[in-house]
Amino acid sequence: DLFFVGDTSDIVRLNLEKGQFLAPFQGNSTCYNAIKIN
């Protein structure tokens, strides 16, 4: 999964194996500046 954050409350998910967008994660904030996966 490739995750994108930006000017939206959704955390966009793009699955590279299936080649399609998946249901995004619904956040509580209006927008996000950074994302990091441990």
PDB file of all heavy atoms in Angstrom:
ATOM      1  N   ASP A   1       0.838  -1.198   0.000  1.00  0.00           N
ATOM      2  CA  ASP A   1       0.000   0.000   0.000  1.00  0.00           C
ATOM      3  C   ASP A   1       0.875   1.251   0.000  1.00  0.00           C
ATOM      4  O   ASP A   1       1.828   1.349   0.784  1.00  0.00           O
ATOM      5  CB  ASP A   1      -0.921   0.026   1.221  1.00  0.00           C
ATOM      6  CG  ASP A   1      -2.069  -0.953   1.091  1.00  0.00           C
ATOM      7  OD1 ASP A   1      -2.328  -1.427  -0.029  1.00  0.00           O
ATOM      8  OD2 ASP A   1      -2.702  -1.275   2.122  1.00  0.00           O
ATOM      9  N   LEU A   2       0.508   2.187  -0.860  1.00  0.00           N
ATOM     10  CA  LEU A   2       1.175   3.487  -0.911  1.00  0.00           C
ATOM     11  C   LEU A   2       0.227   4.516  -0.305  1.00  0.00           C
ATOM     12  O   LEU A   2      -0.919   4.653  -0.749  1.00  0.00           O
ATOM     13  CB  LEU A   2       1.517   3.851  -2.357  1.00  0.00           C
ATOM     14  CG  LEU A   2       2.407   5.070  -2.578  1.00  0.00           C
ATOM     15  CD1 LEU A   2       3.769   4.877  -1.943  1.00  0.00           C
ATOM     16  CD2 LEU A   2       2.554   5.343  -4.074  1.00  0.00           C
ATOM     17  N   PHE A   3       0.693   5.240   0.731  1.00  0.00           N
ATOM     18  CA  PHE A   3      -0.140   6.176   1.467  1.00  0.00           C
ATOM     19  C   PHE A   3       0.245   7.611   1.099  1.00  0.00           C
ATOM     20  O   PHE A   3       1.433   7.945   1.010  1.00  0.00           O
ATOM     21  CB  PHE A   3       0.031   5.974   2.977  1.00  0.00           C
ATOM     22  CG  PHE A   3      -0.526   4.665   3.480  1.00  0.00           C
ATOM     23  CD1 PHE A   3       0.253   3.523   3.481  1.00  0.00           C
ATOM     24  CD2 PHE A   3      -1.830   4.579   3.943  1.00  0.00           C
ATOM     25  CE1 PHE A   3      -0.248   2.318   3.940  1.00  0.00           C
ATOM     26  CE2 PHE A   3      -2.340   3.387   4.408  1.00  0.00           C
ATOM     27  CZ  PHE A   3      -1.556   2.244   4.409  1.00  0.00           C
ATOM     28  N   PHE A   4      -0.804   8.447   0.920  1.00  0.00           N
ATOM     29  CA  PHE A   4      -0.621   9.857   0.625  1.00  0.00           C
ATOM     30  C   PHE A   4      -1.383  10.687   1.661  1.00  0.00           C
ATOM     31  O   PHE A   4      -2.508  10.333   2.035  1.00  0.00           O
ATOM     32  CB  PHE A   4      -1.155  10.218  -0.771  1.00  0.00           C
ATOM     33  CG  PHE A   4      -0.496   9.487  -1.890  1.00  0.00           C
ATOM     34  CD1 PHE A   4      -1.019   8.291  -2.368  1.00  0.00           C
ATOM     35  CD2 PHE A   4       0.659   9.983  -2.481  1.00  0.00           C
ATOM     36  CE1 PHE A   4      -0.418   7.618  -3.404  1.00  0.00           C
ATOM     37  CE2 PHE A   4       1.267   9.310  -3.524  1.00  0.00           C
ATOM     38  CZ  PHE A   4       0.733   8.129  -3.987  1.00  0.00           C
ATOM     39  N   VAL A   5      -0.765  11.779   2.117  1.00  0.00           N
ATOM     40  CA  VAL A   5      -1.441  12.733   2.982  1.00  0.00           C
ATOM     41  C   VAL A   5      -1.281  14.115   2.361  1.00  0.00           C
ATOM     42  O   VAL A   5      -0.321  14.386   1.633  1.00  0.00           O
ATOM     43  CB  VAL A   5      -0.871  12.731   4.413  1.00  0.00           C
ATOM     44  CG1 VAL A   5      -1.137  11.419   5.099  1.00  0.00           C
ATOM     45  CG2 VAL A   5       0.615  13.048   4.418  1.00  0.00           C
ATOM     46  N   GLY A   6      -2.249  14.986   2.657  1.00  0.00           N
ATOM     47  CA  GLY A   6      -2.185  16.322   2.087  1.00  0.00           C
ATOM     48  C   GLY A   6      -3.335  17.178   2.553  1.00  0.00           C
ATOM     49  O   GLY A   6      -3.734  17.131   3.728  1.00  0.00           O
ATOM     50  N   ASP A   7      -3.880  17.931   1.626  1.00  0.00           N
ATOM     51  CA  ASP A   7      -4.914  18.914   1.945  1.00  0.00           C
ATOM     52  C   ASP A   7      -6.288  18.249   2.032  1.00  0.00           C
ATOM     53  O   ASP A   7      -7.240  18.624   1.340  1.00  0.00           O
ATOM     54  CB  ASP A   7      -4.912  20.009   0.883  1.00  0.00           C
ATOM     55  CG  ASP A   7      -5.706  21.234   1.315  1.00  0.00           C
ATOM     56  OD1 ASP A   7      -6.010  21.330   2.521  1.00  0.00           O
ATOM     57  OD2 ASP A   7      -6.024  22.074   0.458  1.00  0.00           O
ATOM     58  N   THR A   8      -6.407  17.271   2.892  1.00  0.00           N
ATOM     59  CA  THR A   8      -7.656  16.550   3.098  1.00  0.00           C
ATOM     60  C   THR A   8      -7.568  15.791   4.419  1.00  0.00           C
ATOM     61  O   THR A   8      -6.468  15.516   4.915  1.00  0.00           O
ATOM     62  CB  THR A   8      -7.929  15.571   1.940  1.00  0.00           C
ATOM     63  OG1 THR A   8      -9.114  14.831   2.220  1.00  0.00           O
ATOM     64  CG2 THR A   8      -6.767  14.608   1.765  1.00  0.00           C
ATOM     65  N   SER A   9      -8.730  15.438   4.971  1.00  0.00           N
ATOM     66  CA  SER A   9      -8.762  14.653   6.204  1.00  0.00           C
ATOM     67  C   SER A   9      -8.579  13.165   5.937  1.00  0.00           C
ATOM     68  O   SER A   9      -8.422  12.382   6.892  1.00  0.00           O
ATOM     69  CB  SER A   9     -10.082  14.892   6.940  1.00  0.00           C
ATOM     70  OG  SER A   9     -11.184  14.512   6.119  1.00  0.00           O
ATOM     71  N   ASP A  10      -8.610  12.757   4.686  1.00  0.00           N
ATOM     72  CA  ASP A  10      -8.436  11.350   4.332  1.00  0.00           C
ATOM     73  C   ASP A  10      -6.972  11.014   4.120  1.00  0.00           C
ATOM     74  O   ASP A  10      -6.205  11.823   3.585  1.00  0.00           O
ATOM     75  CB  ASP A  10      -9.213  11.012   3.055  1.00  0.00           C
ATOM     76  CG  ASP A  10     -10.710  11.191   3.227  1.00  0.00           C
ATOM     77  OD1 ASP A  10     -11.165  11.149   4.392  1.00  0.00           O
ATOM     78  OD2 ASP A  10     -11.412  11.396   2.218  1.00  0.00           O
ATOM     79  N   ILE A  11      -6.601   9.811   4.528  1.00  0.00           N
ATOM     80  CA  ILE A  11      -5.276   9.257   4.238  1.00  0.00           C
ATOM     81  C   ILE A  11      -5.457   8.315   3.062  1.00  0.00           C
ATOM     82  O   ILE A  11      -5.992   7.198   3.192  1.00  0.00           O
ATOM     83  CB  ILE A  11      -4.692   8.535   5.460  1.00  0.00           C
ATOM     84  CG1 ILE A  11      -4.593   9.508   6.641  1.00  0.00           C
ATOM     85  CG2 ILE A  11      -3.320   7.954   5.138  1.00  0.00           C
ATOM     86  CD1 ILE A  11      -4.198   8.849   7.939  1.00  0.00           C
ATOM     87  N   VAL A  12      -5.036   8.754   1.887  1.00  0.00           N
ATOM     88  CA  VAL A  12      -5.304   8.041   0.640  1.00  0.00           C
ATOM     89  C   VAL A  12      -4.450   6.786   0.573  1.00  0.00           C
ATOM     90  O   VAL A  12      -3.239   6.814   0.859  1.00  0.00           O
ATOM     91  CB  VAL A  12      -5.035   8.960  -0.567  1.00  0.00           C
ATOM     92  CG1 VAL A  12      -5.325   8.228  -1.871  1.00  0.00           C
ATOM     93  CG2 VAL A  12      -5.864  10.231  -0.461  1.00  0.00           C
ATOM     94  N   ARG A  13      -5.087   5.673   0.166  1.00  0.00           N
ATOM     95  CA  ARG A  13      -4.399   4.383   0.032  1.00  0.00           C
ATOM     96  C   ARG A  13      -4.451   3.929  -1.420  1.00  0.00           C
ATOM     97  O   ARG A  13      -5.518   3.904  -2.032  1.00  0.00           O
ATOM     98  CB  ARG A  13      -5.054   3.325   0.920  1.00  0.00           C
ATOM     99  CG  ARG A  13      -5.040   3.648   2.407  1.00  0.00           C
ATOM    100  CD  ARG A  13      -5.986   2.714   3.152  1.00  0.00           C
ATOM    101  NE  ARG A  13      -5.631   1.324   2.953  1.00  0.00           N
ATOM    102  CZ  ARG A  13      -6.502   0.303   3.067  1.00  0.00           C
ATOM    103  NH1 ARG A  13      -7.778   0.561   3.328  1.00  0.00           N
ATOM    104  NH2 ARG A  13      -6.101  -0.935   2.889  1.00  0.00           N
ATOM    105  N   LEU A  14      -3.296   3.583  -1.939  1.00  0.00           N
ATOM    106  CA  LEU A  14      -3.192   3.053  -3.293  1.00  0.00           C
ATOM    107  C   LEU A  14      -2.456   1.737  -3.224  1.00  0.00           C
ATOM    108  O   LEU A  14      -1.281   1.687  -2.851  1.00  0.00           O
ATOM    109  CB  LEU A  14      -2.450   4.044  -4.194  1.00  0.00           C
ATOM    110  CG  LEU A  14      -2.176   3.581  -5.622  1.00  0.00           C
ATOM    111  CD1 LEU A  14      -3.478   3.351  -6.387  1.00  0.00           C
ATOM    112  CD2 LEU A  14      -1.304   4.597  -6.358  1.00  0.00           C
ATOM    113  N   ASN A  15      -3.147   0.646  -3.572  1.00  0.00           N
ATOM    114  CA  ASN A  15      -2.541  -0.685  -3.536  1.00  0.00           C
ATOM    115  C   ASN A  15      -1.831  -0.946  -4.859  1.00  0.00           C
ATOM    116  O   ASN A  15      -2.449  -0.925  -5.931  1.00  0.00           O
ATOM    117  CB  ASN A  15      -3.605  -1.745  -3.282  1.00  0.00           C
ATOM    118  CG  ASN A  15      -2.989  -3.108  -3.042  1.00  0.00           C
ATOM    119  OD1 ASN A  15      -2.767  -3.877  -3.969  1.00  0.00           O
ATOM    120  ND2 ASN A  15      -2.694  -3.402  -1.780  1.00  0.00           N
ATOM    121  N   LEU A  16      -0.518  -1.172  -4.791  1.00  0.00           N
ATOM    122  CA  LEU A  16       0.274  -1.371  -5.997  1.00  0.00           C
ATOM    123  C   LEU A  16       0.163  -2.793  -6.537  1.00  0.00           C
ATOM    124  O   LEU A  16       0.511  -3.031  -7.704  1.00  0.00           O
ATOM    125  CB  LEU A  16       1.745  -1.035  -5.711  1.00  0.00           C
ATOM    126  CG  LEU A  16       2.023   0.385  -5.221  1.00  0.00           C
ATOM    127  CD1 LEU A  16       3.522   0.615  -5.095  1.00  0.00           C
ATOM    128  CD2 LEU A  16       1.400   1.426  -6.122  1.00  0.00           C
ATOM    129  N   GLU A  17      -0.297  -3.725  -5.726  1.00  0.00           N
ATOM    130  CA  GLU A  17      -0.480  -5.103  -6.214  1.00  0.00           C
ATOM    131  C   GLU A  17      -1.747  -5.217  -7.062  1.00  0.00           C
ATOM    132  O   GLU A  17      -1.739  -5.818  -8.136  1.00  0.00           O
ATOM    133  CB  GLU A  17      -0.547  -6.061  -5.034  1.00  0.00           C
ATOM    134  CG  GLU A  17      -0.647  -7.517  -5.445  1.00  0.00           C
ATOM    135  CD  GLU A  17      -0.718  -8.449  -4.247  1.00  0.00           C
ATOM    136  OE1 GLU A  17      -0.878  -7.952  -3.117  1.00  0.00           O
ATOM    137  OE2 GLU A  17      -0.605  -9.672  -4.449  1.00  0.00           O
ATOM    138  N   LYS A  18      -2.828  -4.592  -6.579  1.00  0.00           N
ATOM    139  CA  LYS A  18      -4.084  -4.626  -7.322  1.00  0.00           C
ATOM    140  C   LYS A  18      -4.172  -3.509  -8.353  1.00  0.00           C
ATOM    141  O   LYS A  18      -4.979  -3.582  -9.284  1.00  0.00           O
ATOM    142  CB  LYS A  18      -5.260  -4.502  -6.353  1.00  0.00           C
ATOM    143  CG  LYS A  18      -5.343  -5.648  -5.356  1.00  0.00           C
ATOM    144  CD  LYS A  18      -6.521  -5.445  -4.402  1.00  0.00           C
ATOM    145  CE  LYS A  18      -6.596  -6.577  -3.391  1.00  0.00           C
ATOM    146  NZ  LYS A  18      -7.731  -6.396  -2.441  1.00  0.00           N
ATOM    147  N   GLY A  19      -3.390  -2.443  -8.138  1.00  0.00           N
ATOM    148  CA  GLY A  19      -3.437  -1.328  -9.054  1.00  0.00           C
ATOM    149  C   GLY A  19      -4.686  -0.494  -8.933  1.00  0.00           C
ATOM    150  O   GLY A  19      -5.195   0.016  -9.943  1.00  0.00           O
ATOM    151  N   GLN A  20      -5.188  -0.311  -7.718  1.00  0.00           N
ATOM    152  CA  GLN A  20      -6.409   0.467  -7.523  1.00  0.00           C
ATOM    153  C   GLN A  20      -6.388   1.146  -6.158  1.00  0.00           C
ATOM    154  O   GLN A  20      -5.654   0.746  -5.257  1.00  0.00           O
ATOM    155  CB  GLN A  20      -7.641  -0.438  -7.622  1.00  0.00           C
ATOM    156  CG  GLN A  20      -7.713  -1.487  -6.531  1.00  0.00           C
ATOM    157  CD  GLN A  20      -8.921  -2.396  -6.683  1.00  0.00           C
ATOM    158  OE1 GLN A  20      -9.490  -2.518  -7.759  1.00  0.00           O
ATOM    159  NE2 GLN A  20      -9.302  -3.051  -5.606  1.00  0.00           N
ATOM    160  N   PHE A  21      -7.221   2.185  -6.038  1.00  0.00           N
ATOM    161  CA  PHE A  21      -7.373   2.870  -4.757  1.00  0.00           C
ATOM    162  C   PHE A  21      -8.233   2.037  -3.825  1.00  0.00           C
ATOM    163  O   PHE A  21      -9.231   1.425  -4.251  1.00  0.00           O
ATOM    164  CB  PHE A  21      -8.013   4.253  -4.949  1.00  0.00           C
ATOM    165  CG  PHE A  21      -7.102   5.275  -5.555  1.00  0.00           C
ATOM    166  CD1 PHE A  21      -7.185   5.594  -6.906  1.00  0.00           C
ATOM    167  CD2 PHE A  21      -6.153   5.916  -4.774  1.00  0.00           C
ATOM    168  CE1 PHE A  21      -6.341   6.534  -7.469  1.00  0.00           C
ATOM    169  CE2 PHE A  21      -5.305   6.870  -5.324  1.00  0.00           C
ATOM    170  CZ  PHE A  21      -5.394   7.174  -6.668  1.00  0.00           C
ATOM    171  N   LEU A  22      -7.859   2.039  -2.547  1.00  0.00           N
ATOM    172  CA  LEU A  22      -8.638   1.379  -1.513  1.00  0.00           C
ATOM    173  C   LEU A  22      -9.334   2.430  -0.658  1.00  0.00           C
ATOM    174  O   LEU A  22      -9.083   3.637  -0.788  1.00  0.00           O
ATOM    175  CB  LEU A  22      -7.725   0.502  -0.654  1.00  0.00           C
ATOM    176  CG  LEU A  22      -6.930  -0.585  -1.391  1.00  0.00           C
ATOM    177  CD1 LEU A  22      -6.071  -1.363  -0.403  1.00  0.00           C
ATOM    178  CD2 LEU A  22      -7.856  -1.527  -2.151  1.00  0.00           C
ATOM    179  N   ALA A  23     -10.220   1.958   0.208  1.00  0.00           N
ATOM    180  CA  ALA A  23     -10.948   2.877   1.079  1.00  0.00           C
ATOM    181  C   ALA A  23      -9.966   3.646   1.953  1.00  0.00           C
ATOM    182  O   ALA A  23      -9.121   3.041   2.630  1.00  0.00           O
ATOM    183  CB  ALA A  23     -11.936   2.108   1.942  1.00  0.00           C
ATOM    184  N   PRO A  24     -10.015   4.970   1.954  1.00  0.00           N
ATOM    185  CA  PRO A  24      -9.034   5.747   2.731  1.00  0.00           C
ATOM    186  C   PRO A  24      -9.311   5.668   4.229  1.00  0.00           C
ATOM    187  O   PRO A  24     -10.416   5.345   4.663  1.00  0.00           O
ATOM    188  CB  PRO A  24      -9.233   7.167   2.200  1.00  0.00           C
ATOM    189  CG  PRO A  24     -10.660   7.212   1.770  1.00  0.00           C
ATOM    190  CD  PRO A  24     -10.970   5.838   1.237  1.00  0.00           C
ATOM    191  N   PHE A  25      -8.273   5.986   5.002  1.00  0.00           N
ATOM    192  CA  PHE A  25      -8.439   6.113   6.449  1.00  0.00           C
ATOM    193  C   PHE A  25      -9.037   7.500   6.745  1.00  0.00           C
ATOM    194  O   PHE A  25      -8.547   8.511   6.242  1.00  0.00           O
ATOM    195  CB  PHE A  25      -7.102   5.967   7.171  1.00  0.00           C
ATOM    196  CG  PHE A  25      -6.506   4.592   7.076  1.00  0.00           C
ATOM    197  CD1 PHE A  25      -5.137   4.391   7.258  1.00  0.00           C
ATOM    198  CD2 PHE A  25      -7.294   3.491   6.798  1.00  0.00           C
ATOM    199  CE1 PHE A  25      -4.587   3.130   7.177  1.00  0.00           C
ATOM    200  CE2 PHE A  25      -6.751   2.215   6.714  1.00  0.00           C
ATOM    201  CZ  PHE A  25      -5.396   2.040   6.895  1.00  0.00           C
ATOM    202  N   GLN A  26     -10.072   7.532   7.574  1.00  0.00           N
ATOM    203  CA  GLN A  26     -10.725   8.779   7.921  1.00  0.00           C
ATOM    204  C   GLN A  26     -10.067   9.368   9.170  1.00  0.00           C
ATOM    205  O   GLN A  26     -10.211   8.827  10.262  1.00  0.00           O
ATOM    206  CB  GLN A  26     -12.218   8.554   8.165  1.00  0.00           C
ATOM    207  CG  GLN A  26     -12.977   8.044   6.953  1.00  0.00           C
ATOM    208  CD  GLN A  26     -13.074   9.082   5.853  1.00  0.00           C
ATOM    209  OE1 GLN A  26     -13.050  10.284   6.135  1.00  0.00           O
ATOM    210  NE2 GLN A  26     -13.161   8.629   4.612  1.00  0.00           N
ATOM    211  N   GLY A  27      -9.371  10.484   9.003  1.00  0.00           N
ATOM    212  CA  GLY A  27      -8.717  11.144  10.130  1.00  0.00           C
ATOM    213  C   GLY A  27      -9.603  12.184  10.786  1.00  0.00           C
ATOM    214  O   GLY A  27     -10.662  12.563  10.260  1.00  0.00           O
ATOM    215  N   ASN A  28      -9.176  12.668  11.940  1.00  0.00           N
ATOM    216  CA  ASN A  28      -9.920  13.677  12.687  1.00  0.00           C
ATOM    217  C   ASN A  28      -9.489  15.099  12.362  1.00  0.00           C
ATOM    218  O   ASN A  28     -10.136  16.058  12.784  1.00  0.00           O
ATOM    219  CB  ASN A  28      -9.771  13.441  14.194  1.00  0.00           C
ATOM    220  CG  ASN A  28     -10.458  12.157  14.644  1.00  0.00           C
ATOM    221  OD1 ASN A  28     -11.416  11.709  14.007  1.00  0.00           O
ATOM    222  ND2 ASN A  28      -9.960  11.563  15.711  1.00  0.00           N
ATOM    223  N   SER A  29      -8.382  15.280  11.653  1.00  0.00           N
ATOM    224  CA  SER A  29      -7.857  16.611  11.337  1.00  0.00           C
ATOM    225  C   SER A  29      -8.268  17.024   9.927  1.00  0.00           C
ATOM    226  O   SER A  29      -8.650  16.183   9.102  1.00  0.00           O
ATOM    227  CB  SER A  29      -6.336  16.626  11.469  1.00  0.00           C
ATOM    228  OG  SER A  29      -5.933  16.258  12.767  1.00  0.00           O
ATOM    229  N   THR A  30      -8.146  18.310   9.681  1.00  0.00           N
ATOM    230  CA  THR A  30      -8.540  18.835   8.366  1.00  0.00           C
ATOM    231  C   THR A  30      -7.511  18.537   7.288  1.00  0.00           C
ATOM    232  O   THR A  30      -7.869  18.321   6.131  1.00  0.00           O
ATOM    233  CB  THR A  30      -8.779  20.349   8.458  1.00  0.00           C
ATOM    234  OG1 THR A  30      -7.584  20.980   8.955  1.00  0.00           O
ATOM    235  CG2 THR A  30      -9.935  20.659   9.406  1.00  0.00           C
ATOM    236  N   CYS A  31      -6.229  18.530   7.647  1.00  0.00           N
ATOM    237  CA  CYS A  31      -5.178  18.231   6.676  1.00  0.00           C
ATOM    238  C   CYS A  31      -3.946  17.715   7.416  1.00  0.00           C
ATOM    239  O   CYS A  31      -3.774  17.959   8.614  1.00  0.00           O
ATOM    240  CB  CYS A  31      -4.820  19.446   5.836  1.00  0.00           C
ATOM    241  SG  CYS A  31      -4.269  20.876   6.779  1.00  0.00           S
ATOM    242  N   TYR A  32      -3.073  17.022   6.684  1.00  0.00           N
ATOM    243  CA  TYR A  32      -1.877  16.401   7.254  1.00  0.00           C
ATOM    244  C   TYR A  32      -0.651  16.867   6.470  1.00  0.00           C
ATOM    245  O   TYR A  32      -0.696  17.030   5.245  1.00  0.00           O
ATOM    246  CB  TYR A  32      -1.981  14.878   7.210  1.00  0.00           C
ATOM    247  CG  TYR A  32      -3.090  14.316   8.074  1.00  0.00           C
ATOM    248  CD1 TYR A  32      -4.366  14.116   7.547  1.00  0.00           C
ATOM    249  CD2 TYR A  32      -2.873  14.004   9.407  1.00  0.00           C
ATOM    250  CE1 TYR A  32      -5.387  13.605   8.326  1.00  0.00           C
ATOM    251  CE2 TYR A  32      -3.890  13.497  10.197  1.00  0.00           C
ATOM    252  CZ  TYR A  32      -5.137  13.304   9.654  1.00  0.00           C
ATOM    253  OH  TYR A  32      -6.148  12.812  10.440  1.00  0.00           O
ATOM    254  N   ASN A  33       0.449  17.044   7.210  1.00  0.00           N
ATOM    255  CA  ASN A  33       1.699  17.516   6.598  1.00  0.00           C
ATOM    256  C   ASN A  33       2.737  16.424   6.406  1.00  0.00           C
ATOM    257  O   ASN A  33       3.601  16.555   5.534  1.00  0.00           O
ATOM    258  CB  ASN A  33       2.319  18.620   7.453  1.00  0.00           C
ATOM    259  CG  ASN A  33       1.444  19.854   7.532  1.00  0.00           C
ATOM    260  OD1 ASN A  33       0.755  20.193   6.573  1.00  0.00           O
ATOM    261  ND2 ASN A  33       1.454  20.518   8.675  1.00  0.00           N
ATOM    262  N   ALA A  34       2.712  15.388   7.230  1.00  0.00           N
ATOM    263  CA  ALA A  34       3.773  14.371   7.193  1.00  0.00           C
ATOM    264  C   ALA A  34       3.195  13.010   7.518  1.00  0.00           C
ATOM    265  O   ALA A  34       2.190  12.887   8.249  1.00  0.00           O
ATOM    266  CB  ALA A  34       4.884  14.719   8.184  1.00  0.00           C
ATOM    267  N   ILE A  35       3.833  11.984   6.994  1.00  0.00           N
ATOM    268  CA  ILE A  35       3.477  10.598   7.284  1.00  0.00           C
ATOM    269  C   ILE A  35       4.750   9.785   7.360  1.00  0.00           C
ATOM    270  O   ILE A  35       5.703  10.025   6.609  1.00  0.00           O
ATOM    271  CB  ILE A  35       2.513  10.036   6.208  1.00  0.00           C
ATOM    272  CG1 ILE A  35       2.114   8.599   6.554  1.00  0.00           C
ATOM    273  CG2 ILE A  35       3.134  10.102   4.821  1.00  0.00           C
ATOM    274  CD1 ILE A  35       1.035   8.038   5.653  1.00  0.00           C
ATOM    275  N   LYS A  36       4.784   8.833   8.280  1.00  0.00           N
ATOM    276  CA  LYS A  36       5.959   7.971   8.453  1.00  0.00           C
ATOM    277  C   LYS A  36       5.477   6.598   8.912  1.00  0.00           C
ATOM    278  O   LYS A  36       4.620   6.483   9.792  1.00  0.00           O
ATOM    279  CB  LYS A  36       6.930   8.560   9.475  1.00  0.00           C
ATOM    280  CG  LYS A  36       8.223   7.786   9.642  1.00  0.00           C
ATOM    281  CD  LYS A  36       9.065   7.791   8.371  1.00  0.00           C
ATOM    282  CE  LYS A  36       9.579   9.174   8.055  1.00  0.00           C
ATOM    283  NZ  LYS A  36      10.524   9.136   6.897  1.00  0.00           N
ATOM    284  N   ILE A  37       6.032   5.548   8.312  1.00  0.00           N
ATOM    285  CA  ILE A  37       5.703   4.162   8.655  1.00  0.00           C
ATOM    286  C   ILE A  37       6.897   3.550   9.356  1.00  0.00           C
ATOM    287  O   ILE A  37       8.016   3.570   8.836  1.00  0.00           O
ATOM    288  CB  ILE A  37       5.331   3.351   7.408  1.00  0.00           C
ATOM    289  CG1 ILE A  37       4.108   3.979   6.718  1.00  0.00           C
ATOM    290  CG2 ILE A  37       5.056   1.896   7.766  1.00  0.00           C
ATOM    291  CD1 ILE A  37       3.720   3.286   5.432  1.00  0.00           C
ATOM    292  N   ASN A  38       6.666   3.002  10.559  1.00  0.00           N
ATOM    293  CA  ASN A  38       7.742   2.385  11.318  1.00  0.00           C
ATOM    294  C   ASN A  38       8.108   1.041  10.704  1.00  0.00           C
ATOM    295  O   ASN A  38       7.240   0.176  10.535  1.00  0.00           O
ATOM    296  CB  ASN A  38       7.298   2.201  12.779  1.00  0.00           C
ATOM    297  CG  ASN A  38       8.449   1.843  13.688  1.00  0.00           C
ATOM    298  OD1 ASN A  38       9.123   0.832  13.512  1.00  0.00           O
ATOM    299  ND2 ASN A  38       8.692   2.677  14.675  1.00  0.00           N
TER     300      ASN A  38
END
